[in-house]
PDB file of N, CA and C in Angstrom:
ATOM      1  N   UNK A   1    -106.614 129.488  34.809  1.00  0.00           N
ATOM      2  CA  UNK A   1    -107.641 128.470  34.831  1.00  0.00           C
ATOM      3  C   UNK A   1    -108.471 128.604  33.564  1.00  0.00           C
ATOM      4  N   UNK A   2    -108.690 127.488  32.916  1.00  0.00           N
ATOM      5  CA  UNK A   2    -109.476 127.533  31.690  1.00  0.00           C
ATOM      6  C   UNK A   2    -110.946 127.766  32.021  1.00  0.00           C
ATOM      7  N   UNK A   3    -111.650 128.281  31.031  1.00  0.00           N
ATOM      8  CA  UNK A   3    -113.087 128.501  31.213  1.00  0.00           C
ATOM      9  C   UNK A   3    -113.806 127.195  31.496  1.00  0.00           C
ATOM     10  N   UNK A   4    -113.386 126.118  30.821  1.00  0.00           N
ATOM     11  CA  UNK A   4    -114.044 124.828  31.013  1.00  0.00           C
ATOM     12  C   UNK A   4    -113.841 124.315  32.428  1.00  0.00           C
ATOM     13  N   UNK A   5    -112.616 124.415  32.961  1.00  0.00           N
ATOM     14  CA  UNK A   5    -112.359 123.985  34.332  1.00  0.00           C
ATOM     15  C   UNK A   5    -113.163 124.835  35.298  1.00  0.00           C
ATOM     16  N   UNK A   6    -113.249 126.112  35.010  1.00  0.00           N
ATOM     17  CA  UNK A   6    -114.051 127.016  35.830  1.00  0.00           C
ATOM     18  C   UNK A   6    -115.508 126.566  35.846  1.00  0.00           C
ATOM     19  N   UNK A   7    -116.019 126.131  34.699  1.00  0.00           N
ATOM     20  CA  UNK A   7    -117.396 125.638  34.625  1.00  0.00           C
ATOM     21  C   UNK A   7    -117.587 124.403  35.498  1.00  0.00           C
ATOM     22  N   UNK A   8    -116.602 123.495  35.490  1.00  0.00           N
ATOM     23  CA  UNK A   8    -116.709 122.294  36.309  1.00  0.00           C
ATOM     24  C   UNK A   8    -116.653 122.645  37.794  1.00  0.00           C
ATOM     25  N   UNK A   9    -115.802 123.579  38.139  1.00  0.00           N
ATOM     26  CA  UNK A   9    -115.738 124.012  39.545  1.00  0.00           C
ATOM     27  C   UNK A   9    -117.044 124.672  39.964  1.00  0.00           C
ATOM     28  N   UNK A  10    -117.611 125.446  39.060  1.00  0.00           N
ATOM     29  CA  UNK A  10    -118.896 126.090  39.357  1.00  0.00           C
ATOM     30  C   UNK A  10    -119.977 125.029  39.556  1.00  0.00           C
ATOM     31  N   UNK A  11    -119.978 124.005  38.720  1.00  0.00           N
ATOM     32  CA  UNK A  11    -120.942 122.911  38.877  1.00  0.00           C
ATOM     33  C   UNK A  11    -120.755 122.237  40.229  1.00  0.00           C
ATOM     34  N   UNK A  12    -119.503 122.038  40.638  1.00  0.00           N
ATOM     35  CA  UNK A  12    -119.215 121.435  41.936  1.00  0.00           C
ATOM     36  C   UNK A  12    -119.741 122.318  43.069  1.00  0.00           C
ATOM     37  N   UNK A  13    -119.561 123.619  42.944  1.00  0.00           N
ATOM     38  CA  UNK A  13    -120.068 124.548  43.959  1.00  0.00           C
ATOM     39  C   UNK A  13    -121.594 124.496  44.037  1.00  0.00           C
ATOM     40  N   UNK A  14    -122.232 124.396  42.896  1.00  0.00           N
ATOM     41  CA  UNK A  14    -123.697 124.299  42.872  1.00  0.00           C
ATOM     42  C   UNK A  14    -124.146 123.016  43.556  1.00  0.00           C
ATOM     43  N   UNK A  15    -123.457 121.913  43.295  1.00  0.00           N
ATOM     44  CA  UNK A  15    -123.796 120.652  43.953  1.00  0.00           C
ATOM     45  C   UNK A  15    -123.606 120.758  45.464  1.00  0.00           C
ATOM     46  N   UNK A  16    -122.571 121.473  45.894  1.00  0.00           N
ATOM     47  CA  UNK A  16    -122.357 121.684  47.326  1.00  0.00           C
ATOM     48  C   UNK A  16    -123.519 122.458  47.926  1.00  0.00           C
ATOM     49  N   UNK A  17    -123.943 123.515  47.244  1.00  0.00           N
ATOM     50  CA  UNK A  17    -125.091 124.300  47.741  1.00  0.00           C
ATOM     51  C   UNK A  17    -126.363 123.456  47.764  1.00  0.00           C
ATOM     52  N   UNK A  18    -126.534 122.608  46.772  1.00  0.00           N
ATOM     53  CA  UNK A  18    -127.701 121.732  46.759  1.00  0.00           C
ATOM     54  C   UNK A  18    -127.667 120.772  47.949  1.00  0.00           C
ATOM     55  N   UNK A  19    -126.479 120.306  48.314  1.00  0.00           N
ATOM     56  CA  UNK A  19    -126.345 119.454  49.493  1.00  0.00           C
ATOM     57  C   UNK A  19    -126.722 120.197  50.759  1.00  0.00           C
ATOM     58  N   UNK A  20    -126.283 121.450  50.862  1.00  0.00           N
ATOM     59  CA  UNK A  20    -126.642 122.268  52.021  1.00  0.00           C
ATOM     60  C   UNK A  20    -128.151 122.491  52.074  1.00  0.00           C
ATOM     61  N   UNK A  21    -128.747 122.731  50.927  1.00  0.00           N
ATOM     62  CA  UNK A  21    -130.195 122.918  50.860  1.00  0.00           C
ATOM     63  C   UNK A  21    -130.913 121.640  51.267  1.00  0.00           C
ATOM     64  N   UNK A  22    -130.402 120.498  50.819  1.00  0.00           N
ATOM     65  CA  UNK A  22    -131.000 119.216  51.186  1.00  0.00           C
ATOM     66  C   UNK A  22    -130.962 119.020  52.695  1.00  0.00           C
ATOM     67  N   UNK A  23    -129.842 119.367  53.323  1.00  0.00           N
ATOM     68  CA  UNK A  23    -129.762 119.244  54.789  1.00  0.00           C
ATOM     69  C   UNK A  23    -130.768 120.176  55.455  1.00  0.00           C
ATOM     70  N   UNK A  24    -130.949 121.369  54.899  1.00  0.00           N
ATOM     71  CA  UNK A  24    -131.940 122.297  55.437  1.00  0.00           C
ATOM     72  C   UNK A  24    -133.355 121.761  55.295  1.00  0.00           C
ATOM     73  N   UNK A  25    -133.643 121.154  54.155  1.00  0.00           N
ATOM     74  CA  UNK A  25    -134.960 120.553  53.942  1.00  0.00           C
ATOM     75  C   UNK A  25    -135.179 119.426  54.934  1.00  0.00           C
ATOM     76  N   UNK A  26    -134.155 118.606  55.138  1.00  0.00           N
ATOM     77  CA  UNK A  26    -134.275 117.499  56.095  1.00  0.00           C
ATOM     78  C   UNK A  26    -134.584 118.036  57.489  1.00  0.00           C
ATOM     79  N   UNK A  27    -133.897 119.090  57.895  1.00  0.00           N
ATOM     80  CA  UNK A  27    -134.137 119.678  59.216  1.00  0.00           C
ATOM     81  C   UNK A  27    -135.559 120.234  59.312  1.00  0.00           C
ATOM     82  N   UNK A  28    -136.011 120.902  58.268  1.00  0.00           N
ATOM     83  CA  UNK A  28    -137.363 121.454  58.264  1.00  0.00           C
ATOM     84  C   UNK A  28    -138.408 120.346  58.331  1.00  0.00           C
ATOM     85  N   UNK A  29    -138.216 119.283  57.562  1.00  0.00           N
ATOM     86  CA  UNK A  29    -139.158 118.171  57.597  1.00  0.00           C
ATOM     87  C   UNK A  29    -139.195 117.523  58.972  1.00  0.00           C
ATOM     88  N   UNK A  30    -138.052 117.426  59.623  1.00  0.00           N
ATOM     89  CA  UNK A  30    -138.009 116.878  60.980  1.00  0.00           C
ATOM     90  C   UNK A  30    -138.820 117.750  61.930  1.00  0.00           C
ATOM     91  N   UNK A  31    -138.669 119.067  61.805  1.00  0.00           N
ATOM     92  CA  UNK A  31    -139.462 119.988  62.630  1.00  0.00           C
ATOM     93  C   UNK A  31    -140.951 119.828  62.356  1.00  0.00           C
ATOM     94  N   UNK A  32    -141.316 119.764  61.085  1.00  0.00           N
ATOM     95  CA  UNK A  32    -142.726 119.613  60.731  1.00  0.00           C
ATOM     96  C   UNK A  32    -143.293 118.302  61.259  1.00  0.00           C
ATOM     97  N   UNK A  33    -142.524 117.227  61.126  1.00  0.00           N
ATOM     98  CA  UNK A  33    -142.971 115.936  61.633  1.00  0.00           C
ATOM     99  C   UNK A  33    -143.203 116.001  63.133  1.00  0.00           C
ATOM    100  N   UNK A  34    -142.293 116.628  63.850  1.00  0.00           N
ATOM    101  CA  UNK A  34    -142.442 116.756  65.302  1.00  0.00           C
ATOM    102  C   UNK A  34    -143.712 117.520  65.648  1.00  0.00           C
ATOM    103  N   UNK A  35    -144.001 118.562  64.900  1.00  0.00           N
ATOM    104  CA  UNK A  35    -145.197 119.366  65.163  1.00  0.00           C
ATOM    105  C   UNK A  35    -146.472 118.594  64.830  1.00  0.00           C
ATOM    106  N   UNK A  36    -146.438 117.807  63.765  1.00  0.00           N
ATOM    107  CA  UNK A  36    -147.642 117.125  63.287  1.00  0.00           C
ATOM    108  C   UNK A  36    -147.922 115.839  64.053  1.00  0.00           C
ATOM    109  N   UNK A  37    -146.902 115.096  64.403  1.00  0.00           N
ATOM    110  CA  UNK A  37    -147.097 113.775  65.005  1.00  0.00           C
ATOM    111  C   UNK A  37    -148.016 113.815  66.226  1.00  0.00           C
ATOM    112  N   UNK A  38    -147.904 114.845  67.041  1.00  0.00           N
ATOM    113  CA  UNK A  38    -148.748 114.945  68.230  1.00  0.00           C
ATOM    114  C   UNK A  38    -150.204 115.223  67.918  1.00  0.00           C
ATOM    115  N   UNK A  39    -150.481 115.690  66.730  1.00  0.00           N
ATOM    116  CA  UNK A  39    -151.846 116.046  66.325  1.00  0.00           C
ATOM    117  C   UNK A  39    -152.557 114.921  65.568  1.00  0.00           C
ATOM    118  N   UNK A  40    -151.834 113.885  65.194  1.00  0.00           N
ATOM    119  CA  UNK A  40    -152.420 112.851  64.339  1.00  0.00           C
ATOM    120  C   UNK A  40    -153.621 112.156  64.970  1.00  0.00           C
ATOM    121  N   UNK A  41    -153.655 112.076  66.282  1.00  0.00           N
ATOM    122  CA  UNK A  41    -154.765 111.404  66.959  1.00  0.00           C
ATOM    123  C   UNK A  41    -156.114 112.030  66.650  1.00  0.00           C
ATOM    124  N   UNK A  42    -156.141 113.304  66.347  1.00  0.00           N
ATOM    125  CA  UNK A  42    -157.389 113.986  66.042  1.00  0.00           C
ATOM    126  C   UNK A  42    -157.742 113.996  64.565  1.00  0.00           C
ATOM    127  N   UNK A  43    -156.921 113.400  63.750  1.00  0.00           N
ATOM    128  CA  UNK A  43    -157.151 113.402  62.305  1.00  0.00           C
ATOM    129  C   UNK A  43    -157.974 112.179  61.903  1.00  0.00           C
ATOM    130  N   UNK A  44    -158.780 112.293  60.852  1.00  0.00           N
ATOM    131  CA  UNK A  44    -159.491 111.115  60.337  1.00  0.00           C
ATOM    132  C   UNK A  44    -158.477 110.074  59.846  1.00  0.00           C
ATOM    133  N   UNK A  45    -158.794 108.795  60.023  1.00  0.00           N
ATOM    134  CA  UNK A  45    -157.848 107.731  59.649  1.00  0.00           C
ATOM    135  C   UNK A  45    -157.354 107.818  58.207  1.00  0.00           C
ATOM    136  N   UNK A  46    -158.228 108.192  57.275  1.00  0.00           N
ATOM    137  CA  UNK A  46    -157.786 108.247  55.869  1.00  0.00           C
ATOM    138  C   UNK A  46    -156.790 109.384  55.650  1.00  0.00           C
ATOM    139  N   UNK A  47    -156.926 110.458  56.404  1.00  0.00           N
ATOM    140  CA  UNK A  47    -155.979 111.570  56.302  1.00  0.00           C
ATOM    141  C   UNK A  47    -154.636 111.166  56.912  1.00  0.00           C
ATOM    142  N   UNK A  48    -154.694 110.456  58.032  1.00  0.00           N
ATOM    143  CA  UNK A  48    -153.462 109.959  58.658  1.00  0.00           C
ATOM    144  C   UNK A  48    -152.735 109.033  57.686  1.00  0.00           C
ATOM    145  N   UNK A  49    -153.487 108.163  57.024  1.00  0.00           N
ATOM    146  CA  UNK A  49    -152.869 107.234  56.066  1.00  0.00           C
ATOM    147  C   UNK A  49    -152.207 108.001  54.921  1.00  0.00           C
ATOM    148  N   UNK A  50    -152.877 109.038  54.415  1.00  0.00           N
ATOM    149  CA  UNK A  50    -152.277 109.839  53.334  1.00  0.00           C
ATOM    150  C   UNK A  50    -151.037 110.576  53.825  1.00  0.00           C
ATOM    151  N   UNK A  51    -151.108 111.099  55.044  1.00  0.00           N
ATOM    152  CA  UNK A  51    -149.945 111.784  55.620  1.00  0.00           C
ATOM    153  C   UNK A  51    -148.769 110.817  55.739  1.00  0.00           C
ATOM    154  N   UNK A  52    -149.031 109.632  56.278  1.00  0.00           N
ATOM    155  CA  UNK A  52    -147.939 108.659  56.461  1.00  0.00           C
ATOM    156  C   UNK A  52    -147.346 108.234  55.113  1.00  0.00           C
ATOM    157  N   UNK A  53    -148.185 108.068  54.102  1.00  0.00           N
ATOM    158  CA  UNK A  53    -147.675 107.716  52.767  1.00  0.00           C
ATOM    159  C   UNK A  53    -146.815 108.852  52.211  1.00  0.00           C
ATOM    160  N   UNK A  54    -147.285 110.078  52.356  1.00  0.00           N
ATOM    161  CA  UNK A  54    -146.500 111.232  51.886  1.00  0.00           C
ATOM    162  C   UNK A  54    -145.194 111.332  52.660  1.00  0.00           C
ATOM    163  N   UNK A  55    -145.258 111.085  53.952  1.00  0.00           N
ATOM    164  CA  UNK A  55    -144.046 111.146  54.776  1.00  0.00           C
ATOM    165  C   UNK A  55    -143.024 110.112  54.313  1.00  0.00           C
ATOM    166  N   UNK A  56    -143.479 108.890  54.028  1.00  0.00           N
ATOM    167  CA  UNK A  56    -142.556 107.864  53.515  1.00  0.00           C
ATOM    168  C   UNK A  56    -141.909 108.337  52.215  1.00  0.00           C
ATOM    169  N   UNK A  57    -142.719 108.943  51.347  1.00  0.00           N
ATOM    170  CA  UNK A  57    -142.188 109.429  50.067  1.00  0.00           C
ATOM    171  C   UNK A  57    -141.128 110.506  50.283  1.00  0.00           C
ATOM    172  N   UNK A  58    -141.435 111.508  51.106  1.00  0.00           N
ATOM    173  CA  UNK A  58    -140.460 112.595  51.266  1.00  0.00           C
ATOM    174  C   UNK A  58    -139.254 112.129  52.063  1.00  0.00           C
ATOM    175  N   UNK A  59    -139.456 111.221  53.033  1.00  0.00           N
ATOM    176  CA  UNK A  59    -138.301 110.674  53.756  1.00  0.00           C
ATOM    177  C   UNK A  59    -137.358 109.959  52.792  1.00  0.00           C
ATOM    178  N   UNK A  60    -137.941 109.159  51.904  1.00  0.00           N
ATOM    179  CA  UNK A  60    -137.125 108.442  50.928  1.00  0.00           C
ATOM    180  C   UNK A  60    -136.384 109.386  49.997  1.00  0.00           C
ATOM    181  N   UNK A  61    -137.079 110.418  49.538  1.00  0.00           N
ATOM    182  CA  UNK A  61    -136.452 111.383  48.628  1.00  0.00           C
ATOM    183  C   UNK A  61    -135.303 112.119  49.311  1.00  0.00           C
ATOM    184  N   UNK A  62    -135.505 112.522  50.545  1.00  0.00           N
ATOM    185  CA  UNK A  62    -134.457 113.252  51.270  1.00  0.00           C
ATOM    186  C   UNK A  62    -133.272 112.333  51.566  1.00  0.00           C
ATOM    187  N   UNK A  63    -133.531 111.055  51.816  1.00  0.00           N
ATOM    188  CA  UNK A  63    -132.425 110.105  52.051  1.00  0.00           C
ATOM    189  C   UNK A  63    -131.633 109.862  50.772  1.00  0.00           C
ATOM    190  N   UNK A  64    -132.322 109.826  49.632  1.00  0.00           N
ATOM    191  CA  UNK A  64    -131.634 109.547  48.355  1.00  0.00           C
ATOM    192  C   UNK A  64    -130.857 110.743  47.822  1.00  0.00           C
ATOM    193  N   UNK A  65    -131.267 111.932  48.155  1.00  0.00           N
ATOM    194  CA  UNK A  65    -130.685 113.129  47.545  1.00  0.00           C
ATOM    195  C   UNK A  65    -129.165 113.230  47.720  1.00  0.00           C
ATOM    196  N   UNK A  66    -128.613 113.026  48.931  1.00  0.00           N
ATOM    197  CA  UNK A  66    -127.148 113.128  49.049  1.00  0.00           C
ATOM    198  C   UNK A  66    -126.410 112.151  48.128  1.00  0.00           C
ATOM    199  N   UNK A  67    -126.933 110.943  47.997  1.00  0.00           N
ATOM    200  CA  UNK A  67    -126.296 109.971  47.106  1.00  0.00           C
ATOM    201  C   UNK A  67    -126.379 110.446  45.654  1.00  0.00           C
ATOM    202  N   UNK A  68    -127.515 110.997  45.269  1.00  0.00           N
ATOM    203  CA  UNK A  68    -127.667 111.524  43.902  1.00  0.00           C
ATOM    204  C   UNK A  68    -126.678 112.655  43.646  1.00  0.00           C
ATOM    205  N   UNK A  69    -126.525 113.532  44.628  1.00  0.00           N
ATOM    206  CA  UNK A  69    -125.587 114.646  44.473  1.00  0.00           C
ATOM    207  C   UNK A  69    -124.150 114.145  44.393  1.00  0.00           C
ATOM    208  N   UNK A  70    -123.820 113.129  45.189  1.00  0.00           N
ATOM    209  CA  UNK A  70    -122.470 112.553  45.122  1.00  0.00           C
ATOM    210  C   UNK A  70    -122.207 111.949  43.746  1.00  0.00           C
ATOM    211  N   UNK A  71    -123.204 111.242  43.206  1.00  0.00           N
ATOM    212  CA  UNK A  71    -123.031 110.661  41.868  1.00  0.00           C
ATOM    213  C   UNK A  71    -122.891 111.752  40.819  1.00  0.00           C
ATOM    214  N   UNK A  72    -123.666 112.819  40.968  1.00  0.00           N
ATOM    215  CA  UNK A  72    -123.558 113.935  40.019  1.00  0.00           C
ATOM    216  C   UNK A  72    -122.177 114.570  40.099  1.00  0.00           C
ATOM    217  N   UNK A  73    -121.674 114.763  41.325  1.00  0.00           N
ATOM    218  CA  UNK A  73    -120.340 115.355  41.498  1.00  0.00           C
ATOM    219  C   UNK A  73    -119.283 114.456  40.857  1.00  0.00           C
ATOM    220  N   UNK A  74    -119.396 113.165  41.092  1.00  0.00           N
ATOM    221  CA  UNK A  74    -118.441 112.226  40.504  1.00  0.00           C
ATOM    222  C   UNK A  74    -118.494 112.311  38.975  1.00  0.00           C
ATOM    223  N   UNK A  75    -119.690 112.378  38.420  1.00  0.00           N
ATOM    224  CA  UNK A  75    -119.829 112.467  36.961  1.00  0.00           C
ATOM    225  C   UNK A  75    -119.225 113.762  36.426  1.00  0.00           C
ATOM    226  N   UNK A  76    -119.457 114.865  37.115  1.00  0.00           N
ATOM    227  CA  UNK A  76    -118.898 116.154  36.683  1.00  0.00           C
ATOM    228  C   UNK A  76    -117.383 116.065  36.597  1.00  0.00           C
ATOM    229  N   UNK A  77    -116.758 115.499  37.636  1.00  0.00           N
ATOM    230  CA  UNK A  77    -115.292 115.456  37.641  1.00  0.00           C
ATOM    231  C   UNK A  77    -114.735 114.394  36.697  1.00  0.00           C
ATOM    232  N   UNK A  78    -115.499 113.332  36.448  1.00  0.00           N
ATOM    233  CA  UNK A  78    -115.069 112.371  35.430  1.00  0.00           C
ATOM    234  C   UNK A  78    -115.070 113.030  34.053  1.00  0.00           C
ATOM    235  N   UNK A  79    -116.103 113.814  33.779  1.00  0.00           N
ATOM    236  CA  UNK A  79    -116.163 114.529  32.499  1.00  0.00           C
ATOM    237  C   UNK A  79    -115.026 115.545  32.413  1.00  0.00           C
ATOM    238  N   UNK A  80    -114.751 116.235  33.510  1.00  0.00           N
ATOM    239  CA  UNK A  80    -113.649 117.210  33.529  1.00  0.00           C
ATOM    240  C   UNK A  80    -112.325 116.510  33.235  1.00  0.00           C
ATOM    241  N   UNK A  81    -112.115 115.337  33.849  1.00  0.00           N
ATOM    242  CA  UNK A  81    -110.881 114.582  33.606  1.00  0.00           C
ATOM    243  C   UNK A  81    -110.785 114.147  32.146  1.00  0.00           C
ATOM    244  N   UNK A  82    -111.912 113.694  31.583  1.00  0.00           N
ATOM    245  CA  UNK A  82    -111.916 113.285  30.175  1.00  0.00           C
ATOM    246  C   UNK A  82    -111.598 114.469  29.270  1.00  0.00           C
ATOM    247  N   UNK A  83    -112.169 115.632  29.589  1.00  0.00           N
ATOM    248  CA  UNK A  83    -111.871 116.831  28.801  1.00  0.00           C
ATOM    249  C   UNK A  83    -110.388 117.180  28.888  1.00  0.00           C
ATOM    250  N   UNK A  84    -109.826 117.066  30.082  1.00  0.00           N
ATOM    251  CA  UNK A  84    -108.405 117.380  30.266  1.00  0.00           C
ATOM    252  C   UNK A  84    -107.539 116.399  29.473  1.00  0.00           C
ATOM    253  N   UNK A  85    -107.939 115.120  29.484  1.00  0.00           N
ATOM    254  CA  UNK A  85    -107.186 114.110  28.739  1.00  0.00           C
ATOM    255  C   UNK A  85    -107.227 114.369  27.232  1.00  0.00           C
ATOM    256  N   UNK A  86    -108.324 114.961  26.757  1.00  0.00           N
ATOM    257  CA  UNK A  86    -108.455 115.267  25.326  1.00  0.00           C
ATOM    258  C   UNK A  86    -107.801 116.596  24.980  1.00  0.00           C
ATOM    259  N   UNK A  87    -107.299 117.282  25.989  1.00  0.00           N
ATOM    260  CA  UNK A  87    -106.609 118.539  25.738  1.00  0.00           C
ATOM    261  C   UNK A  87    -107.509 119.742  25.637  1.00  0.00           C
ATOM    262  N   UNK A  88    -108.715 119.648  26.174  1.00  0.00           N
ATOM    263  CA  UNK A  88    -109.641 120.800  26.147  1.00  0.00           C
ATOM    264  C   UNK A  88    -109.385 121.708  27.311  1.00  0.00           C
TER     265      UNK A  88
END
């Protein structure tokens, strides 16, 4: 195995670990949301609004992450294929 192919495989492994980490973050955020949602009634309205805005932001980021990782993986292997075609 060439060093360059090894580098691409390593990048793929890193992307896989990042996906696993993303799933872990999603699970943790779900737990935190469950713990917090029952307490929101006692929070000042402006704090609840900030919490809900932050929640929308992190929910969106966690939903987008798998797609970003898939695109990164696709790009890594496209570059690997191009390198192979050039004889590297």
